[in-house]
N, C-alpha and C. Protein backbone atom coordinates (compact mmCIF):
# COMPACT_ATOMS: atom_id res chain seq x y z
N MET A 1 -11.80 -1.61 16.20
CA MET A 1 -11.49 -2.84 15.48
C MET A 1 -9.97 -3.00 15.44
N SER A 2 -9.48 -4.17 15.80
CA SER A 2 -8.05 -4.42 15.84
C SER A 2 -7.49 -4.50 14.43
N LYS A 3 -6.23 -4.11 14.31
CA LYS A 3 -5.58 -4.17 13.02
C LYS A 3 -4.86 -5.50 12.86
N ALA A 4 -4.11 -5.63 11.78
CA ALA A 4 -3.54 -6.91 11.38
C ALA A 4 -2.39 -7.36 12.27
N ARG A 5 -2.12 -8.68 12.20
CA ARG A 5 -0.96 -9.28 12.85
C ARG A 5 0.17 -9.33 11.82
N VAL A 6 1.34 -8.82 12.22
CA VAL A 6 2.45 -8.66 11.29
C VAL A 6 3.63 -9.53 11.72
N LEU A 7 4.15 -10.30 10.78
CA LEU A 7 5.37 -11.08 10.98
C LEU A 7 6.55 -10.24 10.51
N ILE A 8 7.55 -10.05 11.37
CA ILE A 8 8.75 -9.29 11.03
C ILE A 8 9.90 -10.26 10.80
N VAL A 9 10.47 -10.21 9.60
CA VAL A 9 11.62 -11.05 9.26
C VAL A 9 12.80 -10.10 9.05
N GLU A 10 13.66 -9.99 10.06
CA GLU A 10 14.72 -8.99 10.07
C GLU A 10 15.87 -9.51 10.92
N ASP A 11 17.10 -9.43 10.39
CA ASP A 11 18.25 -9.99 11.11
C ASP A 11 19.00 -8.97 11.95
N GLU A 12 18.57 -7.70 11.93
CA GLU A 12 19.19 -6.68 12.78
C GLU A 12 18.25 -6.42 13.96
N PRO A 13 18.61 -6.86 15.18
CA PRO A 13 17.70 -6.75 16.33
C PRO A 13 17.21 -5.33 16.61
N LEU A 14 18.09 -4.33 16.48
CA LEU A 14 17.68 -2.96 16.78
C LEU A 14 16.64 -2.47 15.76
N ILE A 15 16.85 -2.81 14.49
CA ILE A 15 15.88 -2.42 13.47
C ILE A 15 14.57 -3.15 13.68
N ALA A 16 14.64 -4.43 14.00
CA ALA A 16 13.43 -5.22 14.24
C ALA A 16 12.62 -4.63 15.40
N ASP A 17 13.31 -4.24 16.46
CA ASP A 17 12.61 -3.64 17.61
C ASP A 17 11.98 -2.30 17.23
N ASP A 18 12.68 -1.52 16.41
CA ASP A 18 12.15 -0.24 15.96
C ASP A 18 10.88 -0.44 15.13
N ILE A 19 10.92 -1.42 14.23
CA ILE A 19 9.73 -1.74 13.42
C ILE A 19 8.57 -2.16 14.32
N ALA A 20 8.86 -3.01 15.28
CA ALA A 20 7.82 -3.49 16.20
C ALA A 20 7.19 -2.33 16.96
N ASP A 21 8.02 -1.39 17.43
CA ASP A 21 7.50 -0.23 18.16
C ASP A 21 6.57 0.60 17.28
N ILE A 22 6.97 0.81 16.02
CA ILE A 22 6.14 1.58 15.10
C ILE A 22 4.80 0.88 14.87
N LEU A 23 4.84 -0.41 14.65
CA LEU A 23 3.61 -1.16 14.40
C LEU A 23 2.67 -1.09 15.59
N GLU A 24 3.19 -1.33 16.78
CA GLU A 24 2.35 -1.32 17.98
C GLU A 24 1.80 0.07 18.25
N ARG A 25 2.60 1.09 17.95
CA ARG A 25 2.14 2.47 18.15
C ARG A 25 0.98 2.82 17.23
N ASN A 26 0.90 2.12 16.11
CA ASN A 26 -0.16 2.37 15.14
C ASN A 26 -1.26 1.32 15.19
N GLY A 27 -1.31 0.55 16.27
CA GLY A 27 -2.42 -0.36 16.49
C GLY A 27 -2.27 -1.74 15.89
N TYR A 28 -1.12 -2.04 15.31
CA TYR A 28 -0.89 -3.38 14.76
C TYR A 28 -0.36 -4.31 15.85
N GLU A 29 -0.55 -5.59 15.64
CA GLU A 29 -0.03 -6.60 16.55
C GLU A 29 1.15 -7.30 15.89
N VAL A 30 2.26 -7.39 16.61
CA VAL A 30 3.43 -8.09 16.09
C VAL A 30 3.26 -9.58 16.40
N ALA A 31 3.10 -10.38 15.37
CA ALA A 31 2.92 -11.82 15.57
C ALA A 31 4.17 -12.42 16.19
N THR A 32 5.33 -12.13 15.60
CA THR A 32 6.62 -12.53 16.16
C THR A 32 7.71 -11.91 15.30
N ILE A 33 8.95 -11.98 15.79
CA ILE A 33 10.12 -11.49 15.05
C ILE A 33 11.06 -12.67 14.83
N VAL A 34 11.46 -12.90 13.59
CA VAL A 34 12.41 -13.97 13.27
C VAL A 34 13.50 -13.39 12.36
N ASP A 35 14.60 -14.14 12.23
CA ASP A 35 15.71 -13.63 11.43
C ASP A 35 16.13 -14.54 10.29
N GLU A 36 15.39 -15.62 10.04
CA GLU A 36 15.73 -16.51 8.92
C GLU A 36 14.50 -17.21 8.37
N GLY A 37 14.65 -17.76 7.16
CA GLY A 37 13.51 -18.27 6.41
C GLY A 37 12.78 -19.42 7.05
N LYS A 38 13.51 -20.38 7.59
CA LYS A 38 12.88 -21.55 8.19
C LYS A 38 11.98 -21.15 9.36
N GLU A 39 12.48 -20.24 10.19
CA GLU A 39 11.67 -19.76 11.33
C GLU A 39 10.46 -18.98 10.84
N ALA A 40 10.62 -18.24 9.73
CA ALA A 40 9.50 -17.47 9.20
C ALA A 40 8.37 -18.38 8.74
N LEU A 41 8.70 -19.45 8.05
CA LEU A 41 7.67 -20.38 7.58
C LEU A 41 6.99 -21.07 8.75
N GLN A 42 7.77 -21.38 9.78
CA GLN A 42 7.19 -21.99 10.97
C GLN A 42 6.26 -20.99 11.67
N ALA A 43 6.67 -19.73 11.71
CA ALA A 43 5.85 -18.70 12.36
C ALA A 43 4.53 -18.50 11.63
N VAL A 44 4.54 -18.59 10.30
CA VAL A 44 3.30 -18.47 9.53
C VAL A 44 2.32 -19.55 9.96
N SER A 45 2.83 -20.76 10.17
CA SER A 45 1.98 -21.88 10.57
C SER A 45 1.48 -21.75 12.00
N GLU A 46 2.35 -21.28 12.89
CA GLU A 46 2.02 -21.27 14.31
C GLU A 46 1.34 -19.99 14.78
N CYS A 47 1.68 -18.85 14.17
CA CYS A 47 1.21 -17.55 14.67
C CYS A 47 0.11 -16.92 13.82
N SER A 48 -0.13 -17.46 12.64
CA SER A 48 -1.18 -16.97 11.74
C SER A 48 -1.12 -15.46 11.49
N PRO A 49 0.04 -14.95 11.04
CA PRO A 49 0.10 -13.52 10.71
C PRO A 49 -0.72 -13.20 9.46
N ASP A 50 -1.13 -11.95 9.35
CA ASP A 50 -1.89 -11.51 8.18
C ASP A 50 -0.98 -11.04 7.06
N ILE A 51 0.23 -10.58 7.42
CA ILE A 51 1.15 -10.01 6.45
C ILE A 51 2.56 -10.09 7.03
N ALA A 52 3.57 -10.07 6.16
CA ALA A 52 4.96 -10.14 6.61
C ALA A 52 5.74 -8.93 6.09
N LEU A 53 6.67 -8.45 6.91
CA LEU A 53 7.66 -7.46 6.50
C LEU A 53 8.98 -8.20 6.35
N LEU A 54 9.56 -8.20 5.15
CA LEU A 54 10.73 -9.01 4.86
C LEU A 54 11.95 -8.17 4.55
N ASP A 55 13.04 -8.43 5.26
CA ASP A 55 14.34 -7.93 4.83
C ASP A 55 14.85 -8.86 3.74
N VAL A 56 15.66 -8.36 2.83
CA VAL A 56 16.24 -9.22 1.80
C VAL A 56 17.42 -10.01 2.36
N ASN A 57 18.26 -9.32 3.12
CA ASN A 57 19.44 -9.96 3.70
C ASN A 57 19.09 -10.52 5.08
N ILE A 58 18.86 -11.83 5.16
CA ILE A 58 18.50 -12.47 6.42
C ILE A 58 19.44 -13.65 6.70
N GLU A 59 19.35 -14.19 7.89
CA GLU A 59 20.18 -15.33 8.26
C GLU A 59 19.72 -16.59 7.51
N GLY A 60 20.58 -17.61 7.51
CA GLY A 60 20.21 -18.89 6.92
C GLY A 60 20.65 -19.05 5.48
N ASP A 61 20.20 -20.12 4.87
CA ASP A 61 20.64 -20.48 3.52
C ASP A 61 19.90 -19.73 2.42
N THR A 62 18.78 -19.13 2.72
CA THR A 62 18.00 -18.41 1.72
C THR A 62 17.85 -16.95 2.12
N ASP A 63 17.71 -16.08 1.13
CA ASP A 63 17.47 -14.67 1.46
C ASP A 63 15.98 -14.39 1.46
N GLY A 64 15.63 -13.14 1.73
CA GLY A 64 14.23 -12.79 1.84
C GLY A 64 13.44 -12.96 0.56
N ILE A 65 14.10 -12.82 -0.58
CA ILE A 65 13.41 -12.98 -1.87
C ILE A 65 13.08 -14.45 -2.11
N ASP A 66 14.04 -15.33 -1.80
CA ASP A 66 13.75 -16.76 -1.91
C ASP A 66 12.61 -17.16 -0.98
N LEU A 67 12.64 -16.60 0.22
CA LEU A 67 11.57 -16.88 1.19
C LEU A 67 10.22 -16.41 0.67
N ALA A 68 10.21 -15.25 0.03
CA ALA A 68 8.94 -14.67 -0.46
C ALA A 68 8.20 -15.62 -1.39
N HIS A 69 8.94 -16.36 -2.21
CA HIS A 69 8.30 -17.30 -3.14
C HIS A 69 7.51 -18.38 -2.40
N ARG A 70 7.84 -18.62 -1.14
CA ARG A 70 7.22 -19.72 -0.39
C ARG A 70 6.18 -19.25 0.61
N LEU A 71 6.01 -17.95 0.75
CA LEU A 71 5.07 -17.44 1.75
C LEU A 71 3.63 -17.49 1.23
N PRO A 72 2.70 -17.98 2.04
CA PRO A 72 1.30 -18.04 1.63
C PRO A 72 0.50 -16.80 2.03
N ILE A 73 1.19 -15.77 2.52
CA ILE A 73 0.54 -14.54 2.96
C ILE A 73 1.14 -13.36 2.21
N PRO A 74 0.45 -12.23 2.14
CA PRO A 74 1.04 -11.05 1.48
C PRO A 74 2.27 -10.58 2.24
N PHE A 75 3.17 -9.90 1.54
CA PHE A 75 4.42 -9.45 2.17
C PHE A 75 4.89 -8.16 1.53
N VAL A 76 5.63 -7.40 2.32
CA VAL A 76 6.24 -6.15 1.88
C VAL A 76 7.73 -6.24 2.17
N PHE A 77 8.56 -5.94 1.18
CA PHE A 77 10.00 -5.92 1.42
C PHE A 77 10.39 -4.63 2.13
N LEU A 78 11.27 -4.75 3.09
CA LEU A 78 11.78 -3.61 3.84
C LEU A 78 13.29 -3.80 3.93
N THR A 79 14.04 -3.15 3.04
CA THR A 79 15.44 -3.50 2.84
C THR A 79 16.28 -2.30 2.43
N SER A 80 17.58 -2.43 2.60
CA SER A 80 18.51 -1.38 2.15
C SER A 80 18.99 -1.63 0.73
N TYR A 81 18.57 -2.75 0.13
CA TYR A 81 18.99 -3.09 -1.23
C TYR A 81 18.03 -2.49 -2.25
N TYR A 82 18.57 -1.71 -3.18
CA TYR A 82 17.73 -1.17 -4.24
C TYR A 82 18.44 -1.18 -5.60
N ASP A 83 19.47 -2.02 -5.73
CA ASP A 83 20.11 -2.18 -7.02
C ASP A 83 19.13 -2.87 -7.98
N GLN A 84 19.35 -2.69 -9.27
CA GLN A 84 18.38 -3.18 -10.25
C GLN A 84 18.22 -4.69 -10.22
N GLN A 85 19.32 -5.42 -10.00
CA GLN A 85 19.23 -6.88 -9.98
C GLN A 85 18.33 -7.35 -8.84
N THR A 86 18.51 -6.75 -7.66
CA THR A 86 17.68 -7.14 -6.51
C THR A 86 16.23 -6.76 -6.74
N VAL A 87 16.00 -5.56 -7.25
CA VAL A 87 14.62 -5.12 -7.51
C VAL A 87 13.95 -6.03 -8.54
N ASP A 88 14.68 -6.41 -9.59
CA ASP A 88 14.10 -7.30 -10.60
C ASP A 88 13.75 -8.66 -9.99
N ARG A 89 14.61 -9.19 -9.14
CA ARG A 89 14.31 -10.46 -8.47
C ARG A 89 13.08 -10.31 -7.58
N ALA A 90 13.02 -9.21 -6.85
CA ALA A 90 11.90 -8.98 -5.93
C ALA A 90 10.58 -8.86 -6.69
N LYS A 91 10.59 -8.20 -7.84
CA LYS A 91 9.37 -8.00 -8.63
C LYS A 91 8.75 -9.32 -9.05
N ARG A 92 9.60 -10.32 -9.26
CA ARG A 92 9.08 -11.62 -9.71
C ARG A 92 8.31 -12.35 -8.61
N THR A 93 8.42 -11.90 -7.37
CA THR A 93 7.65 -12.51 -6.27
C THR A 93 6.29 -11.86 -6.10
N ASN A 94 6.02 -10.79 -6.88
CA ASN A 94 4.76 -10.04 -6.78
C ASN A 94 4.53 -9.52 -5.36
N PRO A 95 5.45 -8.71 -4.84
CA PRO A 95 5.30 -8.19 -3.48
C PRO A 95 4.16 -7.18 -3.39
N SER A 96 3.69 -6.96 -2.18
CA SER A 96 2.66 -5.94 -1.96
C SER A 96 3.26 -4.58 -1.71
N GLY A 97 4.59 -4.50 -1.64
CA GLY A 97 5.27 -3.23 -1.45
C GLY A 97 6.77 -3.43 -1.37
N TYR A 98 7.52 -2.35 -1.54
CA TYR A 98 8.98 -2.41 -1.48
C TYR A 98 9.45 -1.10 -0.85
N ILE A 99 9.91 -1.16 0.39
CA ILE A 99 10.34 0.03 1.13
C ILE A 99 11.85 -0.02 1.29
N VAL A 100 12.51 1.08 0.97
CA VAL A 100 13.96 1.15 1.06
C VAL A 100 14.37 1.82 2.37
N LYS A 101 15.27 1.16 3.11
CA LYS A 101 15.82 1.74 4.33
C LYS A 101 16.82 2.84 3.96
N PRO A 102 16.96 3.89 4.76
CA PRO A 102 16.17 4.14 5.98
C PRO A 102 14.75 4.57 5.61
N PHE A 103 13.78 4.11 6.37
CA PHE A 103 12.38 4.39 6.08
C PHE A 103 11.81 5.31 7.16
N ASN A 104 10.66 5.90 6.86
CA ASN A 104 9.98 6.67 7.91
C ASN A 104 8.68 5.97 8.29
N GLU A 105 8.15 6.34 9.40
CA GLU A 105 6.97 5.67 9.96
C GLU A 105 5.77 5.76 9.02
N LYS A 106 5.58 6.91 8.42
CA LYS A 106 4.43 7.12 7.55
C LYS A 106 4.47 6.17 6.35
N ASP A 107 5.66 6.06 5.72
CA ASP A 107 5.78 5.18 4.56
C ASP A 107 5.48 3.73 4.93
N LEU A 108 5.98 3.31 6.07
CA LEU A 108 5.77 1.92 6.51
C LEU A 108 4.28 1.64 6.71
N ILE A 109 3.60 2.49 7.42
CA ILE A 109 2.20 2.25 7.75
C ILE A 109 1.32 2.34 6.50
N VAL A 110 1.57 3.30 5.63
CA VAL A 110 0.75 3.42 4.42
C VAL A 110 0.97 2.21 3.51
N ASN A 111 2.22 1.75 3.37
CA ASN A 111 2.47 0.55 2.58
C ASN A 111 1.71 -0.65 3.14
N LEU A 112 1.71 -0.80 4.45
CA LEU A 112 0.99 -1.90 5.07
C LEU A 112 -0.51 -1.80 4.80
N GLU A 113 -1.06 -0.62 4.97
CA GLU A 113 -2.50 -0.44 4.79
C GLU A 113 -2.92 -0.73 3.34
N ILE A 114 -2.11 -0.28 2.40
CA ILE A 114 -2.43 -0.53 1.00
C ILE A 114 -2.32 -2.02 0.68
N ALA A 115 -1.27 -2.67 1.20
CA ALA A 115 -1.10 -4.11 0.96
C ALA A 115 -2.27 -4.91 1.53
N LEU A 116 -2.69 -4.57 2.73
CA LEU A 116 -3.78 -5.29 3.36
C LEU A 116 -5.11 -5.01 2.65
N SER A 117 -5.28 -3.78 2.21
CA SER A 117 -6.51 -3.43 1.50
C SER A 117 -6.60 -4.18 0.18
N ARG A 118 -5.48 -4.27 -0.55
CA ARG A 118 -5.48 -5.00 -1.81
C ARG A 118 -5.79 -6.48 -1.58
N ASN A 119 -5.20 -7.03 -0.55
CA ASN A 119 -5.42 -8.45 -0.26
C ASN A 119 -6.88 -8.70 0.09
N LYS A 120 -7.47 -7.80 0.86
CA LYS A 120 -8.87 -7.93 1.22
C LYS A 120 -9.77 -7.83 -0.01
N SER A 121 -9.44 -6.89 -0.90
CA SER A 121 -10.25 -6.71 -2.11
C SER A 121 -10.19 -7.94 -3.00
N GLN A 122 -9.02 -8.58 -3.07
CA GLN A 122 -8.87 -9.77 -3.90
C GLN A 122 -9.69 -10.94 -3.37
N LYS A 123 -9.88 -10.99 -2.05
CA LYS A 123 -10.63 -12.08 -1.44
C LYS A 123 -12.14 -11.87 -1.56
N GLU A 124 -12.55 -10.61 -1.61
CA GLU A 124 -13.97 -10.31 -1.64
C GLU A 124 -14.52 -10.51 -3.06
N GLU A 125 -15.82 -10.66 -3.12
CA GLU A 125 -16.50 -10.77 -4.42
C GLU A 125 -16.25 -9.49 -5.21
N PRO A 126 -15.70 -9.59 -6.43
CA PRO A 126 -15.42 -8.38 -7.21
C PRO A 126 -16.69 -7.58 -7.47
N ARG A 127 -16.56 -6.28 -7.37
CA ARG A 127 -17.70 -5.38 -7.58
C ARG A 127 -17.48 -4.61 -8.87
N PRO A 128 -18.47 -4.52 -9.73
CA PRO A 128 -18.27 -3.79 -10.99
C PRO A 128 -17.97 -2.32 -10.72
N PRO A 129 -17.10 -1.72 -11.54
CA PRO A 129 -16.75 -0.32 -11.31
C PRO A 129 -17.95 0.60 -11.49
N GLU A 130 -17.91 1.68 -10.77
CA GLU A 130 -18.95 2.70 -10.85
C GLU A 130 -18.69 3.59 -12.06
N LYS A 131 -19.75 3.94 -12.76
CA LYS A 131 -19.62 4.88 -13.88
C LYS A 131 -20.03 6.27 -13.38
N LEU A 132 -19.12 7.23 -13.56
CA LEU A 132 -19.39 8.61 -13.17
C LEU A 132 -19.63 9.45 -14.41
N PHE A 133 -20.53 10.42 -14.31
CA PHE A 133 -20.78 11.33 -15.41
C PHE A 133 -20.21 12.69 -15.05
N LEU A 134 -19.22 13.14 -15.84
CA LEU A 134 -18.48 14.35 -15.53
C LEU A 134 -18.62 15.35 -16.67
N ARG A 135 -18.63 16.62 -16.30
CA ARG A 135 -18.73 17.67 -17.32
C ARG A 135 -17.34 18.02 -17.83
N ASN A 136 -17.17 18.02 -19.15
CA ASN A 136 -15.92 18.40 -19.80
C ASN A 136 -16.25 19.54 -20.77
N GLY A 137 -16.09 20.77 -20.28
CA GLY A 137 -16.53 21.92 -21.08
C GLY A 137 -18.04 21.91 -21.21
N GLN A 138 -18.53 21.84 -22.44
CA GLN A 138 -19.97 21.80 -22.67
C GLN A 138 -20.51 20.37 -22.76
N GLU A 139 -19.61 19.39 -22.65
CA GLU A 139 -20.02 17.99 -22.79
C GLU A 139 -20.14 17.30 -21.44
N ILE A 140 -21.01 16.31 -21.38
CA ILE A 140 -21.08 15.41 -20.23
C ILE A 140 -20.54 14.06 -20.69
N ILE A 141 -19.47 13.61 -20.05
CA ILE A 141 -18.85 12.34 -20.46
C ILE A 141 -18.88 11.35 -19.30
N SER A 142 -18.78 10.08 -19.61
CA SER A 142 -18.78 9.04 -18.58
C SER A 142 -17.35 8.56 -18.33
N VAL A 143 -17.03 8.36 -17.07
CA VAL A 143 -15.71 7.87 -16.65
C VAL A 143 -15.93 6.72 -15.68
N MET A 144 -15.27 5.59 -15.93
CA MET A 144 -15.35 4.47 -15.01
C MET A 144 -14.46 4.74 -13.79
N SER A 145 -14.92 4.34 -12.61
CA SER A 145 -14.14 4.55 -11.40
C SER A 145 -12.77 3.87 -11.51
N SER A 146 -12.70 2.75 -12.23
CA SER A 146 -11.44 2.02 -12.37
C SER A 146 -10.42 2.78 -13.21
N ASP A 147 -10.86 3.81 -13.96
CA ASP A 147 -9.94 4.61 -14.77
C ASP A 147 -9.41 5.83 -14.02
N ILE A 148 -9.96 6.09 -12.84
CA ILE A 148 -9.55 7.27 -12.07
C ILE A 148 -8.28 6.96 -11.29
N LEU A 149 -7.29 7.85 -11.37
CA LEU A 149 -6.05 7.71 -10.60
C LEU A 149 -6.22 8.29 -9.20
N PHE A 150 -6.66 9.54 -9.15
CA PHE A 150 -6.90 10.18 -7.85
C PHE A 150 -7.81 11.38 -8.06
N VAL A 151 -8.35 11.87 -6.94
CA VAL A 151 -9.23 13.04 -6.96
C VAL A 151 -8.64 14.07 -6.02
N GLU A 152 -8.60 15.31 -6.46
CA GLU A 152 -7.97 16.39 -5.71
C GLU A 152 -9.01 17.45 -5.34
N ALA A 153 -9.02 17.86 -4.08
CA ALA A 153 -9.95 18.90 -3.64
C ALA A 153 -9.53 20.26 -4.19
N TYR A 154 -10.52 21.06 -4.53
CA TYR A 154 -10.26 22.41 -5.03
C TYR A 154 -11.40 23.30 -4.56
N ASP A 155 -11.23 23.91 -3.37
CA ASP A 155 -12.31 24.67 -2.73
C ASP A 155 -13.54 23.78 -2.60
N ASN A 156 -14.68 24.22 -3.15
CA ASN A 156 -15.89 23.40 -3.11
C ASN A 156 -16.06 22.55 -4.35
N TYR A 157 -14.98 22.43 -5.11
CA TYR A 157 -14.96 21.59 -6.31
C TYR A 157 -13.96 20.46 -6.11
N ALA A 158 -13.85 19.61 -7.10
CA ALA A 158 -12.85 18.54 -7.07
C ALA A 158 -12.36 18.31 -8.49
N THR A 159 -11.09 17.96 -8.62
CA THR A 159 -10.51 17.62 -9.91
C THR A 159 -10.29 16.12 -9.97
N VAL A 160 -10.88 15.47 -10.96
CA VAL A 160 -10.74 14.03 -11.15
C VAL A 160 -9.63 13.79 -12.17
N HIS A 161 -8.60 13.07 -11.77
CA HIS A 161 -7.45 12.80 -12.64
C HIS A 161 -7.53 11.37 -13.18
N THR A 162 -7.44 11.22 -14.50
CA THR A 162 -7.29 9.91 -15.13
C THR A 162 -5.94 9.91 -15.85
N SER A 163 -5.60 8.80 -16.49
CA SER A 163 -4.32 8.73 -17.20
C SER A 163 -4.24 9.73 -18.35
N LYS A 164 -5.38 10.01 -18.97
CA LYS A 164 -5.37 10.84 -20.17
C LYS A 164 -5.91 12.25 -19.96
N SER A 165 -6.73 12.46 -18.92
CA SER A 165 -7.40 13.74 -18.77
C SER A 165 -7.60 14.09 -17.31
N LYS A 166 -8.08 15.30 -17.09
CA LYS A 166 -8.54 15.68 -15.75
C LYS A 166 -9.80 16.53 -15.91
N PHE A 167 -10.70 16.43 -14.93
CA PHE A 167 -12.01 17.06 -15.02
C PHE A 167 -12.31 17.79 -13.73
N LEU A 168 -12.73 19.02 -13.84
CA LEU A 168 -13.16 19.80 -12.68
C LEU A 168 -14.65 19.61 -12.51
N ILE A 169 -15.07 19.12 -11.33
CA ILE A 169 -16.48 18.84 -11.10
C ILE A 169 -16.98 19.65 -9.90
N SER A 170 -18.27 19.95 -9.90
CA SER A 170 -18.86 20.79 -8.85
C SER A 170 -19.34 19.93 -7.69
N HIS A 171 -18.41 19.16 -7.13
CA HIS A 171 -18.69 18.33 -5.95
C HIS A 171 -17.54 18.47 -4.97
N THR A 172 -17.82 18.38 -3.70
CA THR A 172 -16.76 18.39 -2.71
C THR A 172 -16.05 17.04 -2.73
N LEU A 173 -14.83 17.02 -2.19
CA LEU A 173 -14.09 15.76 -2.13
C LEU A 173 -14.82 14.74 -1.28
N LYS A 174 -15.50 15.21 -0.23
CA LYS A 174 -16.23 14.30 0.66
C LYS A 174 -17.35 13.59 -0.09
N SER A 175 -18.07 14.29 -0.95
CA SER A 175 -19.17 13.65 -1.68
C SER A 175 -18.63 12.65 -2.69
N VAL A 176 -17.47 12.95 -3.29
CA VAL A 176 -16.86 12.00 -4.22
C VAL A 176 -16.35 10.78 -3.45
N GLU A 177 -15.78 11.03 -2.29
CA GLU A 177 -15.27 9.94 -1.45
C GLU A 177 -16.39 8.97 -1.10
N ASP A 178 -17.55 9.47 -0.71
CA ASP A 178 -18.67 8.60 -0.35
C ASP A 178 -19.06 7.67 -1.50
N LYS A 179 -18.93 8.17 -2.71
CA LYS A 179 -19.31 7.37 -3.88
C LYS A 179 -18.24 6.34 -4.25
N LEU A 180 -16.95 6.69 -4.04
CA LEU A 180 -15.86 5.86 -4.54
C LEU A 180 -15.25 4.91 -3.51
N LEU A 181 -15.52 5.10 -2.24
CA LEU A 181 -14.93 4.24 -1.21
C LEU A 181 -15.16 2.75 -1.46
N PRO A 182 -16.35 2.33 -1.90
CA PRO A 182 -16.56 0.88 -2.13
C PRO A 182 -15.75 0.30 -3.28
N PHE A 183 -15.07 1.17 -4.05
CA PHE A 183 -14.36 0.70 -5.24
C PHE A 183 -12.85 0.81 -5.09
N GLY A 184 -12.35 0.73 -3.85
CA GLY A 184 -10.92 0.67 -3.62
C GLY A 184 -10.23 2.01 -3.51
N PHE A 185 -10.96 3.06 -3.19
CA PHE A 185 -10.37 4.39 -3.01
C PHE A 185 -10.17 4.68 -1.52
N ARG A 186 -9.19 5.53 -1.24
CA ARG A 186 -8.92 5.90 0.14
C ARG A 186 -8.43 7.35 0.23
N ARG A 187 -8.90 8.03 1.25
CA ARG A 187 -8.48 9.41 1.53
C ARG A 187 -7.12 9.35 2.24
N ILE A 188 -6.07 9.88 1.63
CA ILE A 188 -4.75 9.86 2.26
C ILE A 188 -4.31 11.25 2.72
N HIS A 189 -5.13 12.25 2.43
CA HIS A 189 -4.82 13.64 2.76
C HIS A 189 -6.15 14.38 2.72
N ARG A 190 -6.24 15.48 3.43
CA ARG A 190 -7.52 16.21 3.41
C ARG A 190 -7.86 16.70 1.99
N SER A 191 -6.84 16.74 1.11
CA SER A 191 -7.09 17.22 -0.24
C SER A 191 -7.01 16.14 -1.31
N TYR A 192 -6.73 14.88 -0.93
CA TYR A 192 -6.54 13.85 -1.95
C TYR A 192 -7.23 12.54 -1.60
N LEU A 193 -7.86 11.97 -2.63
CA LEU A 193 -8.47 10.65 -2.58
C LEU A 193 -7.81 9.83 -3.68
N ILE A 194 -7.22 8.66 -3.33
CA ILE A 194 -6.48 7.91 -4.34
C ILE A 194 -7.13 6.56 -4.63
N ASN A 195 -6.86 6.05 -5.83
CA ASN A 195 -7.27 4.71 -6.22
C ASN A 195 -6.14 3.76 -5.85
N PHE A 196 -6.34 2.91 -4.83
CA PHE A 196 -5.30 2.02 -4.34
C PHE A 196 -4.66 1.20 -5.46
N SER A 197 -5.47 0.72 -6.38
CA SER A 197 -4.97 -0.18 -7.41
C SER A 197 -4.01 0.50 -8.38
N LYS A 198 -3.97 1.83 -8.37
CA LYS A 198 -3.11 2.57 -9.30
C LYS A 198 -1.78 2.99 -8.69
N VAL A 199 -1.57 2.72 -7.40
CA VAL A 199 -0.36 3.15 -6.72
C VAL A 199 0.85 2.39 -7.26
N ASP A 200 1.90 3.13 -7.64
CA ASP A 200 3.15 2.52 -8.09
C ASP A 200 4.11 2.33 -6.93
N THR A 201 4.44 3.41 -6.22
CA THR A 201 5.34 3.33 -5.08
C THR A 201 4.92 4.35 -4.02
N ILE A 202 5.45 4.15 -2.81
CA ILE A 202 5.24 5.08 -1.71
C ILE A 202 6.61 5.38 -1.11
N SER A 203 6.96 6.66 -1.01
CA SER A 203 8.28 7.00 -0.49
C SER A 203 8.29 8.43 0.03
N GLU A 204 8.95 8.63 1.18
CA GLU A 204 9.20 9.95 1.74
C GLU A 204 7.93 10.78 1.87
N GLY A 205 6.85 10.13 2.30
CA GLY A 205 5.62 10.86 2.55
C GLY A 205 4.78 11.15 1.33
N TYR A 206 5.07 10.48 0.20
CA TYR A 206 4.31 10.69 -1.01
C TYR A 206 3.90 9.35 -1.62
N VAL A 207 2.75 9.35 -2.30
CA VAL A 207 2.31 8.23 -3.11
C VAL A 207 2.55 8.61 -4.57
N PHE A 208 3.17 7.71 -5.32
CA PHE A 208 3.45 7.97 -6.74
C PHE A 208 2.50 7.13 -7.59
N ILE A 209 1.73 7.82 -8.43
CA ILE A 209 0.76 7.19 -9.33
C ILE A 209 1.04 7.68 -10.73
N GLU A 210 1.56 6.78 -11.57
CA GLU A 210 2.01 7.16 -12.91
C GLU A 210 2.95 8.36 -12.78
N SER A 211 2.67 9.47 -13.42
CA SER A 211 3.59 10.61 -13.36
C SER A 211 3.25 11.58 -12.22
N HIS A 212 2.31 11.21 -11.37
CA HIS A 212 1.83 12.12 -10.32
C HIS A 212 2.46 11.80 -8.96
N LYS A 213 2.67 12.83 -8.18
CA LYS A 213 3.24 12.73 -6.83
C LYS A 213 2.21 13.29 -5.86
N VAL A 214 1.61 12.44 -5.05
CA VAL A 214 0.50 12.84 -4.19
C VAL A 214 0.93 12.76 -2.72
N GLN A 215 0.76 13.84 -2.01
CA GLN A 215 1.23 13.91 -0.63
C GLN A 215 0.33 13.12 0.32
N ILE A 216 0.95 12.46 1.29
CA ILE A 216 0.22 11.74 2.34
C ILE A 216 0.04 12.69 3.51
N GLY A 217 -1.17 12.77 4.02
CA GLY A 217 -1.44 13.66 5.15
C GLY A 217 -0.89 13.13 6.45
N LYS A 218 -0.73 13.99 7.42
CA LYS A 218 -0.16 13.59 8.71
C LYS A 218 -1.01 12.57 9.45
N SER A 219 -2.31 12.60 9.25
CA SER A 219 -3.21 11.70 9.98
C SER A 219 -3.52 10.43 9.22
N SER A 220 -2.93 10.23 8.03
CA SER A 220 -3.23 9.06 7.21
C SER A 220 -2.53 7.82 7.73
């Protein structure tokens, strides 16, 4: 199955080419590369990309953040700017991700996959969360799938992490994965299954969920 078409909005040709190479190497199709806002909006109309990668500093009268307000498709910022003023402006556009240059290939691809997965979930008919029954000492308690941050493999057991607690259950990570995949979970490492909707940031090969730092596997 082919992956998404990506619009690259980047004013540095060498960086744009590097991004394009990474995307194509990972099975994505580059819709086109542009360096300013007017061309980006035209490309959305003519090339029908599924998602955009936006630099903040681009050619023309508007920057990437101004452009983001006008885009009808999901977008991820890919920029060297990370000062608080820029980040605050970017947050108001409700981006699907924010990657700081210099970036690595893994961070770029995982950000894209999460952004596309979230967009797909929003379009689909919402599915009620699954209720899981977990043992906590001598008690059996119920936990909604939407409250789970991530699940960690532990030999033939698994640890379920929520914001307030964690539970050791006598199930393999694979059996938990089969149950939670329909509810927005994804295996990012042989030892970790994460809830996409709980991801805060992705950087340097890790996914950050609340106070937790979860490693991304090489094959993710």
